[in-house]
PDB file of N, CA and C in Angstrom:
ATOM      1  N   UNK A   1       0.809  -1.170   0.000  1.00  0.00           N
ATOM      2  CA  UNK A   1       0.000   0.000   0.000  1.00  0.00           C
ATOM      3  C   UNK A   1       0.866   1.253   0.000  1.00  0.00           C
ATOM      4  N   UNK A   2       0.546   2.150  -0.855  1.00  0.00           N
ATOM      5  CA  UNK A   2       1.292   3.397  -0.937  1.00  0.00           C
ATOM      6  C   UNK A   2       0.718   4.400   0.061  1.00  0.00           C
ATOM      7  N   UNK A   3       1.621   5.029   0.816  1.00  0.00           N
ATOM      8  CA  UNK A   3       1.176   6.086   1.716  1.00  0.00           C
ATOM      9  C   UNK A   3       1.223   7.401   0.975  1.00  0.00           C
ATOM     10  N   UNK A   4       0.210   8.190   1.241  1.00  0.00           N
ATOM     11  CA  UNK A   4       0.117   9.486   0.594  1.00  0.00           C
ATOM     12  C   UNK A   4       0.933  10.511   1.379  1.00  0.00           C
ATOM     13  N   UNK A   5       1.676  11.327   0.736  1.00  0.00           N
ATOM     14  CA  UNK A   5       2.403  12.389   1.408  1.00  0.00           C
ATOM     15  C   UNK A   5       1.490  13.589   1.598  1.00  0.00           C
ATOM     16  N   UNK A   6       1.759  14.294   2.693  1.00  0.00           N
ATOM     17  CA  UNK A   6       0.997  15.517   2.919  1.00  0.00           C
ATOM     18  C   UNK A   6       1.510  16.593   1.996  1.00  0.00           C
ATOM     19  N   UNK A   7       0.624  17.147   1.240  1.00  0.00           N
ATOM     20  CA  UNK A   7       1.042  18.211   0.344  1.00  0.00           C
ATOM     21  C   UNK A   7       0.745  19.591   0.930  1.00  0.00           C
ATOM     22  N   UNK A   8      -0.194  19.654   1.890  1.00  0.00           N
ATOM     23  CA  UNK A   8      -0.576  20.927   2.486  1.00  0.00           C
ATOM     24  C   UNK A   8      -0.710  20.724   3.999  1.00  0.00           C
ATOM     25  N   UNK A   9      -0.254  21.709   4.769  1.00  0.00           N
ATOM     26  CA  UNK A   9      -0.407  21.669   6.217  1.00  0.00           C
ATOM     27  C   UNK A   9      -1.571  22.592   6.583  1.00  0.00           C
ATOM     28  N   UNK A  10      -2.440  22.088   7.425  1.00  0.00           N
ATOM     29  CA  UNK A  10      -3.571  22.891   7.885  1.00  0.00           C
ATOM     30  C   UNK A  10      -3.071  23.886   8.936  1.00  0.00           C
ATOM     31  N   UNK A  11      -3.073  25.175   8.624  1.00  0.00           N
ATOM     32  CA  UNK A  11      -2.529  26.204   9.512  1.00  0.00           C
ATOM     33  C   UNK A  11      -3.602  26.949  10.300  1.00  0.00           C
ATOM     34  N   UNK A  12      -4.854  26.638  10.106  1.00  0.00           N
ATOM     35  CA  UNK A  12      -5.927  27.360  10.809  1.00  0.00           C
ATOM     36  C   UNK A  12      -5.831  27.189  12.325  1.00  0.00           C
ATOM     37  N   UNK A  13      -5.626  25.980  12.884  1.00  0.00           N
ATOM     38  CA  UNK A  13      -5.452  25.882  14.338  1.00  0.00           C
ATOM     39  C   UNK A  13      -4.229  26.643  14.833  1.00  0.00           C
ATOM     40  N   UNK A  14      -3.169  26.640  14.058  1.00  0.00           N
ATOM     41  CA  UNK A  14      -1.967  27.384  14.425  1.00  0.00           C
ATOM     42  C   UNK A  14      -2.251  28.888  14.492  1.00  0.00           C
ATOM     43  N   UNK A  15      -3.002  29.394  13.540  1.00  0.00           N
ATOM     44  CA  UNK A  15      -3.350  30.817  13.525  1.00  0.00           C
ATOM     45  C   UNK A  15      -4.234  31.158  14.722  1.00  0.00           C
ATOM     46  N   UNK A  16      -5.181  30.283  15.066  1.00  0.00           N
ATOM     47  CA  UNK A  16      -6.032  30.517  16.233  1.00  0.00           C
ATOM     48  C   UNK A  16      -5.206  30.621  17.509  1.00  0.00           C
ATOM     49  N   UNK A  17      -4.291  29.722  17.684  1.00  0.00           N
ATOM     50  CA  UNK A  17      -3.442  29.748  18.879  1.00  0.00           C
ATOM     51  C   UNK A  17      -2.584  31.004  18.902  1.00  0.00           C
ATOM     52  N   UNK A  18      -2.032  31.391  17.787  1.00  0.00           N
ATOM     53  CA  UNK A  18      -1.196  32.582  17.728  1.00  0.00           C
ATOM     54  C   UNK A  18      -1.994  33.852  18.025  1.00  0.00           C
ATOM     55  N   UNK A  19      -3.245  33.915  17.566  1.00  0.00           N
ATOM     56  CA  UNK A  19      -4.079  35.086  17.866  1.00  0.00           C
ATOM     57  C   UNK A  19      -4.401  35.172  19.358  1.00  0.00           C
ATOM     58  N   UNK A  20      -4.665  34.048  19.981  1.00  0.00           N
ATOM     59  CA  UNK A  20      -4.910  34.052  21.436  1.00  0.00           C
ATOM     60  C   UNK A  20      -3.664  34.507  22.173  1.00  0.00           C
ATOM     61  N   UNK A  21      -2.516  33.992  21.793  1.00  0.00           N
ATOM     62  CA  UNK A  21      -1.266  34.412  22.434  1.00  0.00           C
ATOM     63  C   UNK A  21      -0.977  35.891  22.202  1.00  0.00           C
ATOM     64  N   UNK A  22      -1.253  36.382  21.015  1.00  0.00           N
ATOM     65  CA  UNK A  22      -1.062  37.801  20.723  1.00  0.00           C
ATOM     66  C   UNK A  22      -1.966  38.660  21.597  1.00  0.00           C
ATOM     67  N   UNK A  23      -3.207  38.244  21.780  1.00  0.00           N
ATOM     68  CA  UNK A  23      -4.135  38.983  22.637  1.00  0.00           C
ATOM     69  C   UNK A  23      -3.628  39.027  24.076  1.00  0.00           C
ATOM     70  N   UNK A  24      -3.141  37.921  24.575  1.00  0.00           N
ATOM     71  CA  UNK A  24      -2.618  37.882  25.943  1.00  0.00           C
ATOM     72  C   UNK A  24      -1.406  38.796  26.080  1.00  0.00           C
ATOM     73  N   UNK A  25      -0.507  38.753  25.130  1.00  0.00           N
ATOM     74  CA  UNK A  25       0.691  39.592  25.187  1.00  0.00           C
ATOM     75  C   UNK A  25       0.333  41.067  25.126  1.00  0.00           C
ATOM     76  N   UNK A  26      -0.589  41.433  24.267  1.00  0.00           N
ATOM     77  CA  UNK A  26      -0.952  42.847  24.149  1.00  0.00           C
ATOM     78  C   UNK A  26      -1.649  43.367  25.394  1.00  0.00           C
ATOM     79  N   UNK A  27      -2.501  42.576  26.009  1.00  0.00           N
ATOM     80  CA  UNK A  27      -3.190  43.052  27.216  1.00  0.00           C
ATOM     81  C   UNK A  27      -2.257  43.145  28.410  1.00  0.00           C
ATOM     82  N   UNK A  28      -1.328  42.220  28.542  1.00  0.00           N
ATOM     83  CA  UNK A  28      -0.404  42.296  29.676  1.00  0.00           C
ATOM     84  C   UNK A  28       0.711  43.302  29.455  1.00  0.00           C
ATOM     85  N   UNK A  29       1.034  43.607  28.221  1.00  0.00           N
ATOM     86  CA  UNK A  29       2.122  44.554  27.975  1.00  0.00           C
ATOM     87  C   UNK A  29       1.745  45.962  28.411  1.00  0.00           C
ATOM     88  N   UNK A  30       0.474  46.308  28.425  1.00  0.00           N
ATOM     89  CA  UNK A  30       0.090  47.637  28.900  1.00  0.00           C
ATOM     90  C   UNK A  30       0.351  47.770  30.393  1.00  0.00           C
ATOM     91  N   UNK A  31       0.186  46.681  31.156  1.00  0.00           N
ATOM     92  CA  UNK A  31       0.493  46.730  32.584  1.00  0.00           C
ATOM     93  C   UNK A  31       1.990  46.833  32.817  1.00  0.00           C
ATOM     94  N   UNK A  32       2.771  46.167  32.006  1.00  0.00           N
ATOM     95  CA  UNK A  32       4.221  46.194  32.158  1.00  0.00           C
ATOM     96  C   UNK A  32       4.771  47.561  31.764  1.00  0.00           C
ATOM     97  N   UNK A  33       4.241  48.164  30.715  1.00  0.00           N
ATOM     98  CA  UNK A  33       4.744  49.452  30.242  1.00  0.00           C
ATOM     99  C   UNK A  33       4.498  50.552  31.263  1.00  0.00           C
ATOM    100  N   UNK A  34       3.347  50.537  31.911  1.00  0.00           N
ATOM    101  CA  UNK A  34       3.034  51.565  32.889  1.00  0.00           C
ATOM    102  C   UNK A  34       3.620  51.254  34.258  1.00  0.00           C
ATOM    103  N   UNK A  35       3.888  50.011  34.522  1.00  0.00           N
ATOM    104  CA  UNK A  35       4.451  49.637  35.805  1.00  0.00           C
ATOM    105  C   UNK A  35       3.402  49.266  36.828  1.00  0.00           C
ATOM    106  N   UNK A  36       2.158  49.596  36.590  1.00  0.00           N
ATOM    107  CA  UNK A  36       1.104  49.276  37.545  1.00  0.00           C
ATOM    108  C   UNK A  36      -0.249  49.455  36.885  1.00  0.00           C
ATOM    109  N   UNK A  37      -1.225  48.899  37.498  1.00  0.00           N
ATOM    110  CA  UNK A  37      -2.597  49.099  37.049  1.00  0.00           C
ATOM    111  C   UNK A  37      -3.037  50.457  37.561  1.00  0.00           C
ATOM    112  N   UNK A  38      -3.617  51.307  36.716  1.00  0.00           N
ATOM    113  CA  UNK A  38      -4.013  52.637  37.187  1.00  0.00           C
ATOM    114  C   UNK A  38      -5.151  52.543  38.204  1.00  0.00           C
ATOM    115  N   UNK A  39      -4.984  53.243  39.313  1.00  0.00           N
ATOM    116  CA  UNK A  39      -5.987  53.246  40.374  1.00  0.00           C
ATOM    117  C   UNK A  39      -6.301  54.666  40.792  1.00  0.00           C
ATOM    118  N   UNK A  40      -7.524  54.867  41.212  1.00  0.00           N
ATOM    119  CA  UNK A  40      -7.880  56.109  41.881  1.00  0.00           C
ATOM    120  C   UNK A  40      -7.965  55.782  43.361  1.00  0.00           C
ATOM    121  N   UNK A  41      -7.126  56.406  44.128  1.00  0.00           N
ATOM    122  CA  UNK A  41      -7.110  56.118  45.548  1.00  0.00           C
ATOM    123  C   UNK A  41      -8.369  56.654  46.210  1.00  0.00           C
ATOM    124  N   UNK A  42      -8.920  55.911  47.159  1.00  0.00           N
ATOM    125  CA  UNK A  42     -10.154  56.344  47.805  1.00  0.00           C
ATOM    126  C   UNK A  42      -9.936  57.524  48.737  1.00  0.00           C
ATOM    127  N   UNK A  43     -10.960  58.310  48.866  1.00  0.00           N
ATOM    128  CA  UNK A  43     -10.968  59.401  49.834  1.00  0.00           C
ATOM    129  C   UNK A  43     -12.022  59.063  50.866  1.00  0.00           C
ATOM    130  N   UNK A  44     -11.793  59.483  52.074  1.00  0.00           N
ATOM    131  CA  UNK A  44     -12.752  59.158  53.119  1.00  0.00           C
ATOM    132  C   UNK A  44     -13.792  60.256  53.246  1.00  0.00           C
ATOM    133  N   UNK A  45     -14.953  59.850  53.665  1.00  0.00           N
ATOM    134  CA  UNK A  45     -15.998  60.837  53.908  1.00  0.00           C
ATOM    135  C   UNK A  45     -15.726  61.504  55.252  1.00  0.00           C
ATOM    136  N   UNK A  46     -16.161  62.740  55.401  1.00  0.00           N
ATOM    137  CA  UNK A  46     -15.892  63.430  56.656  1.00  0.00           C
ATOM    138  C   UNK A  46     -16.628  62.734  57.805  1.00  0.00           C
ATOM    139  N   UNK A  47     -15.872  62.395  58.818  1.00  0.00           N
ATOM    140  CA  UNK A  47     -16.452  61.772  60.007  1.00  0.00           C
ATOM    141  C   UNK A  47     -15.996  62.524  61.239  1.00  0.00           C
ATOM    142  N   UNK A  48     -16.697  62.298  62.307  1.00  0.00           N
ATOM    143  CA  UNK A  48     -16.316  62.921  63.570  1.00  0.00           C
ATOM    144  C   UNK A  48     -15.103  62.184  64.109  1.00  0.00           C
ATOM    145  N   UNK A  49     -14.050  62.900  64.343  1.00  0.00           N
ATOM    146  CA  UNK A  49     -12.845  62.269  64.870  1.00  0.00           C
ATOM    147  C   UNK A  49     -12.772  62.497  66.365  1.00  0.00           C
ATOM    148  N   UNK A  50     -12.465  61.438  67.049  1.00  0.00           N
ATOM    149  CA  UNK A  50     -12.273  61.539  68.488  1.00  0.00           C
ATOM    150  C   UNK A  50     -10.788  61.736  68.749  1.00  0.00           C
ATOM    151  N   UNK A  51     -10.495  62.459  69.799  1.00  0.00           N
ATOM    152  CA  UNK A  51      -9.088  62.674  70.096  1.00  0.00           C
ATOM    153  C   UNK A  51      -8.488  61.369  70.620  1.00  0.00           C
ATOM    154  N   UNK A  52      -7.395  60.961  69.995  1.00  0.00           N
ATOM    155  CA  UNK A  52      -6.725  59.742  70.391  1.00  0.00           C
ATOM    156  C   UNK A  52      -5.701  60.049  71.464  1.00  0.00           C
ATOM    157  N   UNK A  53      -5.680  59.237  72.463  1.00  0.00           N
ATOM    158  CA  UNK A  53      -4.665  59.381  73.503  1.00  0.00           C
ATOM    159  C   UNK A  53      -3.662  58.253  73.310  1.00  0.00           C
ATOM    160  N   UNK A  54      -3.160  58.172  72.102  1.00  0.00           N
ATOM    161  CA  UNK A  54      -2.226  57.111  71.766  1.00  0.00           C
ATOM    162  C   UNK A  54      -0.952  57.688  71.199  1.00  0.00           C
ATOM    163  N   UNK A  55      -0.432  57.016  70.230  1.00  0.00           N
ATOM    164  CA  UNK A  55       0.829  57.400  69.626  1.00  0.00           C
ATOM    165  C   UNK A  55       0.615  57.705  68.144  1.00  0.00           C
ATOM    166  N   UNK A  56       1.368  58.677  67.648  1.00  0.00           N
ATOM    167  CA  UNK A  56       1.265  59.095  66.252  1.00  0.00           C
ATOM    168  C   UNK A  56       2.577  58.810  65.544  1.00  0.00           C
ATOM    169  N   UNK A  57       2.469  58.076  64.443  1.00  0.00           N
ATOM    170  CA  UNK A  57       3.637  57.831  63.584  1.00  0.00           C
ATOM    171  C   UNK A  57       3.424  58.667  62.329  1.00  0.00           C
ATOM    172  N   UNK A  58       4.385  59.529  62.036  1.00  0.00           N
ATOM    173  CA  UNK A  58       4.303  60.369  60.848  1.00  0.00           C
ATOM    174  C   UNK A  58       5.455  60.005  59.924  1.00  0.00           C
ATOM    175  N   UNK A  59       5.148  59.910  58.619  1.00  0.00           N
ATOM    176  CA  UNK A  59       6.164  59.590  57.621  1.00  0.00           C
ATOM    177  C   UNK A  59       6.099  60.683  56.550  1.00  0.00           C
ATOM    178  N   UNK A  60       7.205  61.396  56.364  1.00  0.00           N
ATOM    179  CA  UNK A  60       7.183  62.465  55.364  1.00  0.00           C
ATOM    180  C   UNK A  60       7.533  61.916  53.982  1.00  0.00           C
ATOM    181  N   UNK A  61       7.547  62.809  52.999  1.00  0.00           N
ATOM    182  CA  UNK A  61       7.740  62.421  51.607  1.00  0.00           C
ATOM    183  C   UNK A  61       9.079  61.719  51.376  1.00  0.00           C
ATOM    184  N   UNK A  62      10.098  62.097  52.100  1.00  0.00           N
ATOM    185  CA  UNK A  62      11.423  61.500  51.915  1.00  0.00           C
ATOM    186  C   UNK A  62      11.589  60.180  52.657  1.00  0.00           C
ATOM    187  N   UNK A  63      10.598  59.793  53.458  1.00  0.00           N
ATOM    188  CA  UNK A  63      10.665  58.512  54.166  1.00  0.00           C
ATOM    189  C   UNK A  63      11.131  58.620  55.602  1.00  0.00           C
ATOM    190  N   UNK A  64      11.315  59.840  56.099  1.00  0.00           N
ATOM    191  CA  UNK A  64      11.712  60.005  57.500  1.00  0.00           C
ATOM    192  C   UNK A  64      10.518  59.693  58.397  1.00  0.00           C
ATOM    193  N   UNK A  65      10.771  58.950  59.479  1.00  0.00           N
ATOM    194  CA  UNK A  65       9.709  58.527  60.383  1.00  0.00           C
ATOM    195  C   UNK A  65       9.816  59.276  61.698  1.00  0.00           C
ATOM    196  N   UNK A  66       8.660  59.673  62.214  1.00  0.00           N
ATOM    197  CA  UNK A  66       8.588  60.381  63.475  1.00  0.00           C
ATOM    198  C   UNK A  66       7.579  59.666  64.361  1.00  0.00           C
ATOM    199  N   UNK A  67       7.964  59.400  65.597  1.00  0.00           N
ATOM    200  CA  UNK A  67       7.037  58.856  66.585  1.00  0.00           C
ATOM    201  C   UNK A  67       6.793  59.945  67.606  1.00  0.00           C
ATOM    202  N   UNK A  68       5.571  60.434  67.656  1.00  0.00           N
ATOM    203  CA  UNK A  68       5.188  61.529  68.548  1.00  0.00           C
ATOM    204  C   UNK A  68       6.118  62.732  68.402  1.00  0.00           C
ATOM    205  N   UNK A  69       6.512  63.029  67.163  1.00  0.00           N
ATOM    206  CA  UNK A  69       7.331  64.197  66.877  1.00  0.00           C
ATOM    207  C   UNK A  69       8.824  63.967  66.928  1.00  0.00           C
ATOM    208  N   UNK A  70       9.279  62.785  67.328  1.00  0.00           N
ATOM    209  CA  UNK A  70      10.715  62.508  67.405  1.00  0.00           C
ATOM    210  C   UNK A  70      11.160  61.725  66.176  1.00  0.00           C
ATOM    211  N   UNK A  71      12.249  62.156  65.555  1.00  0.00           N
ATOM    212  CA  UNK A  71      12.786  61.499  64.369  1.00  0.00           C
ATOM    213  C   UNK A  71      13.443  60.184  64.771  1.00  0.00           C
ATOM    214  N   UNK A  72      13.019  59.083  64.099  1.00  0.00           N
ATOM    215  CA  UNK A  72      13.548  57.750  64.397  1.00  0.00           C
ATOM    216  C   UNK A  72      13.761  56.977  63.108  1.00  0.00           C
ATOM    217  N   UNK A  73      14.677  56.018  63.150  1.00  0.00           N
ATOM    218  CA  UNK A  73      14.811  55.072  62.046  1.00  0.00           C
ATOM    219  C   UNK A  73      13.789  53.952  62.264  1.00  0.00           C
ATOM    220  N   UNK A  74      13.663  53.063  61.293  1.00  0.00           N
ATOM    221  CA  UNK A  74      12.705  51.963  61.428  1.00  0.00           C
ATOM    222  C   UNK A  74      13.075  51.048  62.589  1.00  0.00           C
ATOM    223  N   UNK A  75      14.356  50.805  62.784  1.00  0.00           N
ATOM    224  CA  UNK A  75      14.810  49.952  63.894  1.00  0.00           C
ATOM    225  C   UNK A  75      14.495  50.608  65.231  1.00  0.00           C
ATOM    226  N   UNK A  76      14.782  51.920  65.342  1.00  0.00           N
ATOM    227  CA  UNK A  76      14.476  52.638  66.584  1.00  0.00           C
ATOM    228  C   UNK A  76      12.971  52.731  66.815  1.00  0.00           C
ATOM    229  N   UNK A  77      12.209  52.847  65.731  1.00  0.00           N
ATOM    230  CA  UNK A  77      10.752  52.869  65.846  1.00  0.00           C
ATOM    231  C   UNK A  77      10.253  51.556  66.430  1.00  0.00           C
ATOM    232  N   UNK A  78      10.805  50.439  65.954  1.00  0.00           N
ATOM    233  CA  UNK A  78      10.431  49.133  66.503  1.00  0.00           C
ATOM    234  C   UNK A  78      10.764  49.041  67.986  1.00  0.00           C
ATOM    235  N   UNK A  79      11.950  49.528  68.373  1.00  0.00           N
ATOM    236  CA  UNK A  79      12.352  49.482  69.788  1.00  0.00           C
ATOM    237  C   UNK A  79      11.413  50.316  70.656  1.00  0.00           C
ATOM    238  N   UNK A  80      11.050  51.502  70.164  1.00  0.00           N
ATOM    239  CA  UNK A  80      10.155  52.365  70.937  1.00  0.00           C
ATOM    240  C   UNK A  80       8.752  51.757  71.048  1.00  0.00           C
ATOM    241  N   UNK A  81       8.275  51.146  69.949  1.00  0.00           N
ATOM    242  CA  UNK A  81       6.941  50.559  69.982  1.00  0.00           C
ATOM    243  C   UNK A  81       6.889  49.300  70.843  1.00  0.00           C
ATOM    244  N   UNK A  82       8.026  48.642  71.057  1.00  0.00           N
ATOM    245  CA  UNK A  82       8.059  47.470  71.941  1.00  0.00           C
ATOM    246  C   UNK A  82       7.736  47.855  73.378  1.00  0.00           C
ATOM    247  N   UNK A  83       8.036  49.085  73.755  1.00  0.00           N
ATOM    248  CA  UNK A  83       7.800  49.559  75.126  1.00  0.00           C
ATOM    249  C   UNK A  83       6.381  50.053  75.351  1.00  0.00           C
ATOM    250  N   UNK A  84       5.597  50.144  74.272  1.00  0.00           N
ATOM    251  CA  UNK A  84       4.261  50.731  74.343  1.00  0.00           C
ATOM    252  C   UNK A  84       3.227  49.639  74.595  1.00  0.00           C
ATOM    253  N   UNK A  85       2.182  49.995  75.359  1.00  0.00           N
ATOM    254  CA  UNK A  85       1.071  49.079  75.606  1.00  0.00           C
ATOM    255  C   UNK A  85       0.358  48.763  74.289  1.00  0.00           C
ATOM    256  N   UNK A  86       0.118  47.487  74.016  1.00  0.00           N
ATOM    257  CA  UNK A  86      -0.475  47.060  72.751  1.00  0.00           C
ATOM    258  C   UNK A  86      -1.938  47.469  72.596  1.00  0.00           C
ATOM    259  N   UNK A  87      -2.582  47.805  73.688  1.00  0.00           N
ATOM    260  CA  UNK A  87      -3.989  48.219  73.591  1.00  0.00           C
ATOM    261  C   UNK A  87      -4.144  49.707  73.295  1.00  0.00           C
ATOM    262  N   UNK A  88      -3.048  50.466  73.322  1.00  0.00           N
ATOM    263  CA  UNK A  88      -3.146  51.896  73.025  1.00  0.00           C
ATOM    264  C   UNK A  88      -3.275  52.103  71.519  1.00  0.00           C
ATOM    265  N   UNK A  89      -4.052  53.101  71.104  1.00  0.00           N
ATOM    266  CA  UNK A  89      -4.243  53.344  69.670  1.00  0.00           C
ATOM    267  C   UNK A  89      -2.997  53.951  69.015  1.00  0.00           C
ATOM    268  N   UNK A  90      -2.820  53.613  67.743  1.00  0.00           N
ATOM    269  CA  UNK A  90      -1.706  54.140  66.961  1.00  0.00           C
ATOM    270  C   UNK A  90      -2.291  54.806  65.717  1.00  0.00           C
ATOM    271  N   UNK A  91      -1.932  56.055  65.490  1.00  0.00           N
ATOM    272  CA  UNK A  91      -2.369  56.805  64.318  1.00  0.00           C
ATOM    273  C   UNK A  91      -1.182  56.944  63.378  1.00  0.00           C
ATOM    274  N   UNK A  92      -1.374  56.542  62.127  1.00  0.00           N
ATOM    275  CA  UNK A  92      -0.311  56.666  61.130  1.00  0.00           C
ATOM    276  C   UNK A  92      -0.692  57.763  60.150  1.00  0.00           C
ATOM    277  N   UNK A  93       0.182  58.748  60.020  1.00  0.00           N
ATOM    278  CA  UNK A  93      -0.005  59.840  59.069  1.00  0.00           C
ATOM    279  C   UNK A  93       1.145  59.764  58.077  1.00  0.00           C
ATOM    280  N   UNK A  94       0.819  59.546  56.796  1.00  0.00           N
ATOM    281  CA  UNK A  94       1.858  59.411  55.778  1.00  0.00           C
ATOM    282  C   UNK A  94       1.584  60.370  54.634  1.00  0.00           C
ATOM    283  N   UNK A  95       2.645  60.916  54.083  1.00  0.00           N
ATOM    284  CA  UNK A  95       2.547  61.800  52.928  1.00  0.00           C
ATOM    285  C   UNK A  95       2.024  61.013  51.732  1.00  0.00           C
ATOM    286  N   UNK A  96       1.200  61.644  50.916  1.00  0.00           N
ATOM    287  CA  UNK A  96       0.592  60.935  49.784  1.00  0.00           C
ATOM    288  C   UNK A  96       1.605  60.558  48.721  1.00  0.00           C
ATOM    289  N   UNK A  97       2.749  61.234  48.656  1.00  0.00           N
ATOM    290  CA  UNK A  97       3.752  60.922  47.646  1.00  0.00           C
ATOM    291  C   UNK A  97       4.861  60.016  48.184  1.00  0.00           C
ATOM    292  N   UNK A  98       4.627  59.418  49.312  1.00  0.00           N
ATOM    293  CA  UNK A  98       5.586  58.522  49.939  1.00  0.00           C
ATOM    294  C   UNK A  98       5.726  57.242  49.130  1.00  0.00           C
ATOM    295  N   UNK A  99       6.928  56.694  49.076  1.00  0.00           N
ATOM    296  CA  UNK A  99       7.145  55.401  48.430  1.00  0.00           C
ATOM    297  C   UNK A  99       6.387  54.354  49.238  1.00  0.00           C
ATOM    298  N   UNK A 100       5.625  53.543  48.560  1.00  0.00           N
ATOM    299  CA  UNK A 100       4.747  52.586  49.222  1.00  0.00           C
ATOM    300  C   UNK A 100       5.506  51.619  50.118  1.00  0.00           C
ATOM    301  N   UNK A 101       6.712  51.223  49.750  1.00  0.00           N
ATOM    302  CA  UNK A 101       7.453  50.245  50.540  1.00  0.00           C
ATOM    303  C   UNK A 101       7.733  50.755  51.943  1.00  0.00           C
ATOM    304  N   UNK A 102       8.012  52.027  52.095  1.00  0.00           N
ATOM    305  CA  UNK A 102       8.254  52.592  53.423  1.00  0.00           C
ATOM    306  C   UNK A 102       7.004  52.482  54.277  1.00  0.00           C
ATOM    307  N   UNK A 103       5.859  52.787  53.696  1.00  0.00           N
ATOM    308  CA  UNK A 103       4.599  52.669  54.422  1.00  0.00           C
ATOM    309  C   UNK A 103       4.329  51.220  54.802  1.00  0.00           C
ATOM    310  N   UNK A 104       4.580  50.299  53.892  1.00  0.00           N
ATOM    311  CA  UNK A 104       4.359  48.875  54.165  1.00  0.00           C
ATOM    312  C   UNK A 104       5.285  48.399  55.276  1.00  0.00           C
ATOM    313  N   UNK A 105       6.534  48.866  55.286  1.00  0.00           N
ATOM    314  CA  UNK A 105       7.464  48.497  56.357  1.00  0.00           C
ATOM    315  C   UNK A 105       6.951  48.943  57.716  1.00  0.00           C
ATOM    316  N   UNK A 106       6.428  50.157  57.799  1.00  0.00           N
ATOM    317  CA  UNK A 106       5.908  50.662  59.071  1.00  0.00           C
ATOM    318  C   UNK A 106       4.665  49.877  59.482  1.00  0.00           C
ATOM    319  N   UNK A 107       3.754  49.636  58.533  1.00  0.00           N
ATOM    320  CA  UNK A 107       2.542  48.866  58.853  1.00  0.00           C
ATOM    321  C   UNK A 107       2.899  47.449  59.287  1.00  0.00           C
ATOM    322  N   UNK A 108       3.864  46.833  58.630  1.00  0.00           N
ATOM    323  CA  UNK A 108       4.293  45.486  58.992  1.00  0.00           C
ATOM    324  C   UNK A 108       4.881  45.469  60.394  1.00  0.00           C
ATOM    325  N   UNK A 109       5.624  46.494  60.734  1.00  0.00           N
ATOM    326  CA  UNK A 109       6.211  46.594  62.064  1.00  0.00           C
ATOM    327  C   UNK A 109       5.125  46.731  63.134  1.00  0.00           C
ATOM    328  N   UNK A 110       4.172  47.606  62.887  1.00  0.00           N
ATOM    329  CA  UNK A 110       3.085  47.825  63.860  1.00  0.00           C
ATOM    330  C   UNK A 110       2.239  46.553  63.996  1.00  0.00           C
ATOM    331  N   UNK A 111       1.944  45.932  62.884  1.00  0.00           N
ATOM    332  CA  UNK A 111       1.150  44.703  62.903  1.00  0.00           C
ATOM    333  C   UNK A 111       1.911  43.563  63.585  1.00  0.00           C
ATOM    334  N   UNK A 112       3.197  43.460  63.304  1.00  0.00           N
ATOM    335  CA  UNK A 112       4.009  42.402  63.888  1.00  0.00           C
ATOM    336  C   UNK A 112       4.154  42.519  65.393  1.00  0.00           C
ATOM    337  N   UNK A 113       4.067  43.732  65.913  1.00  0.00           N
ATOM    338  CA  UNK A 113       4.173  43.924  67.358  1.00  0.00           C
ATOM    339  C   UNK A 113       2.840  43.675  68.069  1.00  0.00           C
ATOM    340  N   UNK A 114       1.773  43.478  67.326  1.00  0.00           N
ATOM    341  CA  UNK A 114       0.501  43.101  67.939  1.00  0.00           C
ATOM    342  C   UNK A 114      -0.450  44.235  68.249  1.00  0.00           C
ATOM    343  N   UNK A 115      -0.263  45.409  67.681  1.00  0.00           N
ATOM    344  CA  UNK A 115      -1.205  46.501  67.904  1.00  0.00           C
ATOM    345  C   UNK A 115      -2.499  46.203  67.157  1.00  0.00           C
ATOM    346  N   UNK A 116      -3.627  46.431  67.817  1.00  0.00           N
ATOM    347  CA  UNK A 116      -4.931  46.155  67.214  1.00  0.00           C
ATOM    348  C   UNK A 116      -5.687  47.432  66.851  1.00  0.00           C
ATOM    349  N   UNK A 117      -5.408  48.512  67.526  1.00  0.00           N
ATOM    350  CA  UNK A 117      -6.102  49.779  67.258  1.00  0.00           C
ATOM    351  C   UNK A 117      -5.195  50.672  66.420  1.00  0.00           C
ATOM    352  N   UNK A 118      -5.191  50.423  65.121  1.00  0.00           N
ATOM    353  CA  UNK A 118      -4.354  51.185  64.192  1.00  0.00           C
ATOM    354  C   UNK A 118      -5.272  51.916  63.231  1.00  0.00           C
ATOM    355  N   UNK A 119      -5.042  53.206  63.053  1.00  0.00           N
ATOM    356  CA  UNK A 119      -5.854  53.972  62.102  1.00  0.00           C
ATOM    357  C   UNK A 119      -4.936  54.815  61.231  1.00  0.00           C
ATOM    358  N   UNK A 120      -5.451  55.149  60.064  1.00  0.00           N
ATOM    359  CA  UNK A 120      -4.720  55.973  59.098  1.00  0.00           C
ATOM    360  C   UNK A 120      -5.427  57.296  58.955  1.00  0.00           C
ATOM    361  N   UNK A 121      -4.702  58.363  58.931  1.00  0.00           N
ATOM    362  CA  UNK A 121      -5.308  59.668  58.741  1.00  0.00           C
ATOM    363  C   UNK A 121      -5.373  59.963  57.249  1.00  0.00           C
ATOM    364  N   UNK A 122      -6.547  60.374  56.791  1.00  0.00           N
ATOM    365  CA  UNK A 122      -6.740  60.729  55.389  1.00  0.00           C
ATOM    366  C   UNK A 122      -7.322  62.122  55.305  1.00  0.00           C
ATOM    367  N   UNK A 123      -7.347  62.631  54.093  1.00  0.00           N
ATOM    368  CA  UNK A 123      -7.999  63.922  53.856  1.00  0.00           C
ATOM    369  C   UNK A 123      -9.462  63.676  53.599  1.00  0.00           C
ATOM    370  N   UNK A 124     -10.309  64.595  54.036  1.00  0.00           N
ATOM    371  CA  UNK A 124     -11.736  64.462  53.762  1.00  0.00           C
ATOM    372  C   UNK A 124     -12.033  64.994  52.365  1.00  0.00           C
ATOM    373  N   UNK A 125     -13.094  64.481  51.798  1.00  0.00           N
ATOM    374  CA  UNK A 125     -13.493  64.938  50.454  1.00  0.00           C
ATOM    375  C   UNK A 125     -13.943  66.381  50.513  1.00  0.00           C
ATOM    376  N   UNK A 126     -13.660  67.053  49.444  1.00  0.00           N
ATOM    377  CA  UNK A 126     -14.041  68.478  49.399  1.00  0.00           C
ATOM    378  C   UNK A 126     -15.450  68.626  48.863  1.00  0.00           C
TER     379      UNK A 126
END
């Protein structure tokens, strides 16, 4: 019996797969080019604020950290927070243009030490 040679290759399934891959590459490349998914950060509605008798951590635009007005490094901040009662409230005030990693480091430190009453100060909507 003679076997027939293939004279033509069916490329339609190949084209379908390539179009799906092209779609995936094009949609993900927009996220890579911008570096992040665009987000609008939430603003809080105006609420009645009670005066906190706790501790305030402030982080400025350059990443400098202050605990109750005193300039500290992250290591010194951890040491100072170790001496504080875990039931006392902690208010974190961070500049909006702060590098996110610095904020995450401070939040991780506060969370790791076991503080439960942590709040963030935001601007109210105009």
